[in-house]
Amino acid sequence: MRERAGRTAGLTTTQLRDSSTEPGVQPSCTVTVERDGVEQPVPLGSAYGPCFEVAADAVACTGTSDHLRIVVHDPSTRPIAIVRARSEVP
């Protein structure tokens, strides 16, 4: 996913390597956030602290059939300067 000038480019499941044999696609992705010049990893779907998910969003991601985007959930009140997402491709 790339974000440019406030617009988000969506993903499709065909662009993501599946990291599990479970039903559906469990994408092999890494996400980091940068605050005050320090880059930190963000886990996939954590019960505590920051995490990320790959979610369907037909409004924001109209250019793909799956309408997927990466969403970072962060309970911190500190602003995130940069979010970097990297996905393995099949």
C-alpha atoms as a PDB file:
ATOM      1  CA  MET A   1       0.000   0.000   0.000  1.00  0.00           C
ATOM      2  CA  ARG A   2       1.240   3.464  -0.824  1.00  0.00           C
ATOM      3  CA  GLU A   3      -0.151   6.737   0.369  1.00  0.00           C
ATOM      4  CA  ARG A   4       0.449   9.861  -1.665  1.00  0.00           C
ATOM      5  CA  ALA A   5      -1.082  13.259  -1.067  1.00  0.00           C
ATOM      6  CA  GLY A   6      -3.785  11.835   1.168  1.00  0.00           C
ATOM      7  CA  ARG A   7      -4.794   9.060  -1.242  1.00  0.00           C
ATOM      8  CA  THR A   8      -4.361   5.383  -0.461  1.00  0.00           C
ATOM      9  CA  ALA A   9      -3.519   2.779  -3.090  1.00  0.00           C
ATOM     10  CA  GLY A  10      -5.253  -0.480  -2.177  1.00  0.00           C
ATOM     11  CA  LEU A  11      -4.071  -4.076  -2.204  1.00  0.00           C
ATOM     12  CA  THR A  12      -5.588  -7.299  -3.460  1.00  0.00           C
ATOM     13  CA  THR A  13      -5.074 -10.743  -1.961  1.00  0.00           C
ATOM     14  CA  THR A  14      -3.259 -11.785  -5.153  1.00  0.00           C
ATOM     15  CA  GLN A  15      -0.523  -9.266  -4.220  1.00  0.00           C
ATOM     16  CA  LEU A  16       0.058 -10.773  -0.766  1.00  0.00           C
ATOM     17  CA  ARG A  17       1.966 -13.890   0.270  1.00  0.00           C
ATOM     18  CA  ASP A  18      -0.184 -16.039   2.576  1.00  0.00           C
ATOM     19  CA  SER A  19       1.715 -16.830   5.781  1.00  0.00           C
ATOM     20  CA  SER A  20      -0.639 -19.606   6.944  1.00  0.00           C
ATOM     21  CA  THR A  21      -2.606 -22.614   5.741  1.00  0.00           C
ATOM     22  CA  GLU A  22      -5.678 -21.344   7.643  1.00  0.00           C
ATOM     23  CA  PRO A  23      -8.722 -20.293   5.561  1.00  0.00           C
ATOM     24  CA  GLY A  24      -8.495 -16.816   4.093  1.00  0.00           C
ATOM     25  CA  VAL A  25      -5.302 -14.843   3.562  1.00  0.00           C
ATOM     26  CA  GLN A  26      -3.003 -14.150   6.502  1.00  0.00           C
ATOM     27  CA  PRO A  27      -0.659 -11.701   4.790  1.00  0.00           C
ATOM     28  CA  SER A  28       3.062 -11.817   5.348  1.00  0.00           C
ATOM     29  CA  CYS A  29       3.575  -8.127   6.104  1.00  0.00           C
ATOM     30  CA  THR A  30       5.731  -5.967   8.314  1.00  0.00           C
ATOM     31  CA  VAL A  31       4.684  -2.561   9.577  1.00  0.00           C
ATOM     32  CA  THR A  32       6.791   0.018  11.382  1.00  0.00           C
ATOM     33  CA  VAL A  33       5.984   3.428  12.810  1.00  0.00           C
ATOM     34  CA  GLU A  34       8.440   6.258  13.204  1.00  0.00           C
ATOM     35  CA  ARG A  35       8.195   8.778  16.020  1.00  0.00           C
ATOM     36  CA  ASP A  36      10.834  11.363  16.825  1.00  0.00           C
ATOM     37  CA  GLY A  37      13.243   9.703  14.379  1.00  0.00           C
ATOM     38  CA  VAL A  38      12.918   6.242  15.993  1.00  0.00           C
ATOM     39  CA  GLU A  39      11.434   3.412  13.902  1.00  0.00           C
ATOM     40  CA  GLN A  40       9.633   0.629  15.790  1.00  0.00           C
ATOM     41  CA  PRO A  41       7.941  -2.562  14.524  1.00  0.00           C
ATOM     42  CA  VAL A  42       4.187  -2.947  14.931  1.00  0.00           C
ATOM     43  CA  PRO A  43       2.810  -6.488  15.409  1.00  0.00           C
ATOM     44  CA  LEU A  44      -0.148  -7.932  13.521  1.00  0.00           C
ATOM     45  CA  GLY A  45      -3.311  -7.945  15.660  1.00  0.00           C
ATOM     46  CA  SER A  46      -1.919  -7.593  19.189  1.00  0.00           C
ATOM     47  CA  ALA A  47      -4.202  -7.417  22.216  1.00  0.00           C
ATOM     48  CA  TYR A  48      -1.869  -4.919  23.886  1.00  0.00           C
ATOM     49  CA  GLY A  49      -0.233  -1.808  22.522  1.00  0.00           C
ATOM     50  CA  PRO A  50      -0.019  -0.796  18.875  1.00  0.00           C
ATOM     51  CA  CYS A  51      -0.936  -3.294  16.160  1.00  0.00           C
ATOM     52  CA  PHE A  52      -1.985  -3.427  12.538  1.00  0.00           C
ATOM     53  CA  GLU A  53      -4.533  -5.271  10.450  1.00  0.00           C
ATOM     54  CA  VAL A  54      -5.321  -5.674   6.788  1.00  0.00           C
ATOM     55  CA  ALA A  55      -8.935  -4.535   6.423  1.00  0.00           C
ATOM     56  CA  ALA A  56     -11.448  -4.181   3.623  1.00  0.00           C
ATOM     57  CA  ASP A  57     -12.405  -0.561   2.923  1.00  0.00           C
ATOM     58  CA  ALA A  58     -14.494  -0.132  -0.217  1.00  0.00           C
ATOM     59  CA  VAL A  59     -14.673   3.649   0.294  1.00  0.00           C
ATOM     60  CA  ALA A  60     -10.917   4.373   0.571  1.00  0.00           C
ATOM     61  CA  CYS A  61      -9.703   1.610  -1.765  1.00  0.00           C
ATOM     62  CA  THR A  62     -11.906   1.778  -4.834  1.00  0.00           C
ATOM     63  CA  GLY A  63      -9.165   0.851  -7.302  1.00  0.00           C
ATOM     64  CA  THR A  64      -8.931  -2.836  -6.350  1.00  0.00           C
ATOM     65  CA  SER A  65     -11.422  -5.703  -6.271  1.00  0.00           C
ATOM     66  CA  ASP A  66     -10.601  -6.693  -2.662  1.00  0.00           C
ATOM     67  CA  HIS A  67     -10.587  -3.093  -1.313  1.00  0.00           C
ATOM     68  CA  LEU A  68      -7.810  -3.899   1.200  1.00  0.00           C
ATOM     69  CA  ARG A  69      -5.733  -1.440   3.182  1.00  0.00           C
ATOM     70  CA  ILE A  70      -3.402  -1.587   6.173  1.00  0.00           C
ATOM     71  CA  VAL A  71      -4.795  -0.013   9.350  1.00  0.00           C
ATOM     72  CA  VAL A  72      -2.559   0.819  12.324  1.00  0.00           C
ATOM     73  CA  HIS A  73      -4.261   0.831  15.731  1.00  0.00           C
ATOM     74  CA  ASP A  74      -2.290   2.755  18.326  1.00  0.00           C
ATOM     75  CA  PRO A  75      -3.647   3.521  21.805  1.00  0.00           C
ATOM     76  CA  SER A  76      -0.862   6.072  22.337  1.00  0.00           C
ATOM     77  CA  THR A  77      -1.733   9.738  22.157  1.00  0.00           C
ATOM     78  CA  ARG A  78       1.656  10.511  20.595  1.00  0.00           C
ATOM     79  CA  PRO A  79       1.414  11.343  16.899  1.00  0.00           C
ATOM     80  CA  ILE A  80       2.902   8.931  14.379  1.00  0.00           C
ATOM     81  CA  ALA A  81       5.161  10.697  11.903  1.00  0.00           C
ATOM     82  CA  ILE A  82       5.637   7.896   9.348  1.00  0.00           C
ATOM     83  CA  VAL A  83       4.059   4.463   8.819  1.00  0.00           C
ATOM     84  CA  ARG A  84       5.945   2.001   6.612  1.00  0.00           C
ATOM     85  CA  ALA A  85       4.284  -1.191   5.398  1.00  0.00           C
ATOM     86  CA  ARG A  86       6.024  -3.940   3.463  1.00  0.00           C
ATOM     87  CA  SER A  87       4.292  -7.026   2.104  1.00  0.00           C
ATOM     88  CA  GLU A  88       5.799 -10.154   0.623  1.00  0.00           C
ATOM     89  CA  VAL A  89       4.429 -11.035  -2.796  1.00  0.00           C
ATOM     90  CA  PRO A  90       3.672 -14.529  -4.060  1.00  0.00           C
END
